[in-house]
N, C-alpha and C. Protein backbone atom coordinates (compact mmCIF):
# COMPACT_ATOMS: atom_id res chain seq x y z
N MET A 1 17.71 35.20 -30.72
CA MET A 1 17.79 34.29 -31.99
C MET A 1 16.76 33.12 -31.57
N HIS A 2 16.17 32.67 -32.98
CA HIS A 2 15.62 31.35 -32.40
C HIS A 2 15.92 30.90 -33.34
N ASP A 3 16.05 29.33 -32.75
CA ASP A 3 16.14 27.72 -33.73
C ASP A 3 14.50 27.91 -34.42
N ALA A 4 15.06 27.65 -36.02
CA ALA A 4 13.32 27.80 -36.90
C ALA A 4 12.56 26.93 -36.84
N GLY A 5 12.25 25.97 -35.92
CA GLY A 5 10.74 25.99 -35.57
C GLY A 5 10.40 26.26 -34.71
N CYS A 6 11.03 27.34 -33.40
CA CYS A 6 10.53 27.75 -32.69
C CYS A 6 9.32 28.64 -32.41
N PRO A 7 8.08 28.62 -31.81
CA PRO A 7 7.09 29.27 -31.71
C PRO A 7 6.80 30.65 -31.61
N LYS A 8 8.05 30.48 -31.06
CA LYS A 8 8.03 32.76 -30.64
C LYS A 8 8.41 33.23 -31.67
N THR A 9 8.61 32.88 -32.67
CA THR A 9 9.59 33.52 -33.66
C THR A 9 8.56 34.79 -34.44
N GLY A 10 7.35 34.28 -33.94
CA GLY A 10 6.33 35.79 -34.83
C GLY A 10 6.34 34.85 -36.38
N ASN A 11 6.31 36.34 -36.86
CA ASN A 11 6.10 36.27 -38.45
C ASN A 11 7.52 37.14 -38.93
N GLY A 12 8.11 36.10 -40.28
CA GLY A 12 8.67 36.81 -40.72
C GLY A 12 10.26 35.81 -39.93
N GLY A 13 11.24 37.13 -40.28
CA GLY A 13 12.70 36.58 -39.74
C GLY A 13 13.65 35.80 -41.04
N THR A 14 14.54 35.83 -40.48
CA THR A 14 15.91 35.45 -41.75
C THR A 14 16.88 34.29 -41.10
N ASP A 15 16.70 32.99 -42.23
CA ASP A 15 17.46 31.80 -41.63
C ASP A 15 18.97 32.52 -42.19
N LEU A 16 19.75 31.69 -40.86
CA LEU A 16 21.42 32.04 -40.95
C LEU A 16 22.05 30.91 -41.15
N GLY A 17 23.03 30.76 -41.66
CA GLY A 17 24.10 29.62 -41.10
C GLY A 17 24.20 29.63 -40.20
N ALA A 18 25.49 28.78 -39.02
CA ALA A 18 26.02 28.86 -38.06
C ALA A 18 26.88 30.26 -37.87
N MET A 19 27.81 30.04 -38.52
CA MET A 19 28.72 31.30 -38.68
C MET A 19 28.08 32.68 -38.32
N GLU A 20 26.73 33.29 -39.04
CA GLU A 20 25.99 34.37 -39.61
C GLU A 20 25.07 34.28 -38.07
N ALA A 21 24.83 32.93 -37.38
CA ALA A 21 23.80 33.37 -36.43
C ALA A 21 24.96 33.80 -34.89
N LEU A 22 26.06 33.05 -35.00
CA LEU A 22 27.12 33.27 -33.83
C LEU A 22 27.43 34.99 -34.09
N ASP A 23 27.93 35.31 -35.46
CA ASP A 23 28.20 36.74 -35.44
C ASP A 23 26.99 37.85 -35.08
N ALA A 24 26.04 37.25 -35.55
CA ALA A 24 24.76 38.09 -34.97
C ALA A 24 24.37 38.12 -33.40
N LEU A 25 24.58 36.91 -32.73
CA LEU A 25 24.45 36.67 -31.43
C LEU A 25 25.99 37.76 -30.78
N MET A 26 26.62 37.74 -31.08
CA MET A 26 27.92 38.79 -31.06
C MET A 26 27.28 39.96 -30.65
N ARG A 27 26.27 40.77 -31.43
CA ARG A 27 25.98 41.89 -31.94
C ARG A 27 25.34 42.04 -30.64
N PRO A 28 25.46 43.77 -29.38
CA PRO A 28 25.15 44.52 -28.24
C PRO A 28 23.60 44.32 -28.31
N GLY A 29 23.17 43.63 -27.20
CA GLY A 29 21.75 43.38 -26.87
C GLY A 29 21.62 42.21 -27.56
N ALA A 30 22.06 41.70 -28.44
CA ALA A 30 21.19 40.35 -28.85
C ALA A 30 21.08 39.15 -27.79
N ARG A 31 20.40 38.11 -27.89
CA ARG A 31 20.02 36.93 -26.92
C ARG A 31 19.28 35.76 -27.88
N ALA A 32 20.06 34.53 -27.14
CA ALA A 32 19.82 33.50 -28.14
C ALA A 32 17.75 32.76 -26.92
N CYS A 33 17.18 32.53 -27.61
CA CYS A 33 16.13 32.06 -27.36
C CYS A 33 16.78 30.83 -26.20
N HIS A 34 15.93 31.02 -25.12
CA HIS A 34 16.15 29.70 -23.75
C HIS A 34 14.66 28.35 -23.97
N ASP A 35 13.66 29.03 -24.99
CA ASP A 35 12.63 28.16 -25.26
C ASP A 35 12.92 27.66 -26.24
N CYS A 36 13.77 27.60 -27.22
CA CYS A 36 14.14 26.50 -28.28
C CYS A 36 15.26 26.11 -27.86
N ASP A 37 16.24 25.54 -29.13
CA ASP A 37 17.69 24.75 -29.33
C ASP A 37 18.75 26.19 -29.36
N ALA A 38 17.91 27.90 -29.74
CA ALA A 38 19.26 28.31 -30.02
C ALA A 38 19.91 28.44 -29.05
N ALA A 39 19.91 28.73 -27.64
CA ALA A 39 20.40 28.84 -26.55
C ALA A 39 21.31 27.54 -26.23
N THR A 40 21.01 26.72 -26.38
CA THR A 40 21.64 25.43 -25.84
C THR A 40 22.71 25.01 -27.33
N VAL A 41 22.45 25.85 -28.24
CA VAL A 41 23.47 25.14 -29.26
C VAL A 41 24.51 26.70 -29.85
N LEU A 42 24.09 27.62 -29.47
CA LEU A 42 24.87 28.65 -29.90
C LEU A 42 25.77 29.31 -28.53
N ILE A 43 25.02 29.42 -27.57
CA ILE A 43 26.43 29.60 -26.28
C ILE A 43 27.63 29.15 -25.96
N PRO A 44 27.06 27.63 -26.24
CA PRO A 44 28.65 26.80 -25.64
C PRO A 44 29.60 27.16 -27.22
N ALA A 45 29.01 27.26 -28.27
CA ALA A 45 29.96 27.85 -29.37
C ALA A 45 30.50 28.99 -29.23
N LEU A 46 29.83 30.01 -28.50
CA LEU A 46 30.50 31.08 -28.55
C LEU A 46 31.43 31.08 -27.19
N GLU A 47 31.30 30.24 -26.49
CA GLU A 47 32.60 30.39 -25.04
C GLU A 47 33.57 29.66 -25.90
N LEU A 48 33.64 28.34 -26.65
CA LEU A 48 34.40 28.11 -27.80
C LEU A 48 35.51 28.79 -28.15
N GLY A 49 35.64 29.88 -28.48
CA GLY A 49 35.90 30.82 -29.38
C GLY A 49 36.17 31.90 -28.53
N GLN A 50 36.21 32.08 -26.85
CA GLN A 50 36.93 32.74 -26.27
C GLN A 50 38.21 33.48 -25.94
N ASP A 51 39.16 32.48 -26.04
CA ASP A 51 40.09 31.42 -25.77
C ASP A 51 41.04 32.12 -27.42
N TYR A 52 40.66 32.69 -28.71
CA TYR A 52 41.20 32.84 -29.03
C TYR A 52 40.65 34.16 -29.78
N VAL A 53 42.40 35.11 -30.31
CA VAL A 53 42.27 36.21 -30.91
C VAL A 53 42.32 36.43 -32.62
């Protein structure tokens, strides 16, 4: 997953809302880019939900 302005996105891609991005990041093998803000924003958001079932 990349921030919309990340130069590593390549061609194409789909814009996602925050909840869609978090859902996609929870899929096996999904990773947030550390070269843009994706990891900085999304990883802490996922960690907030770990105590909720």
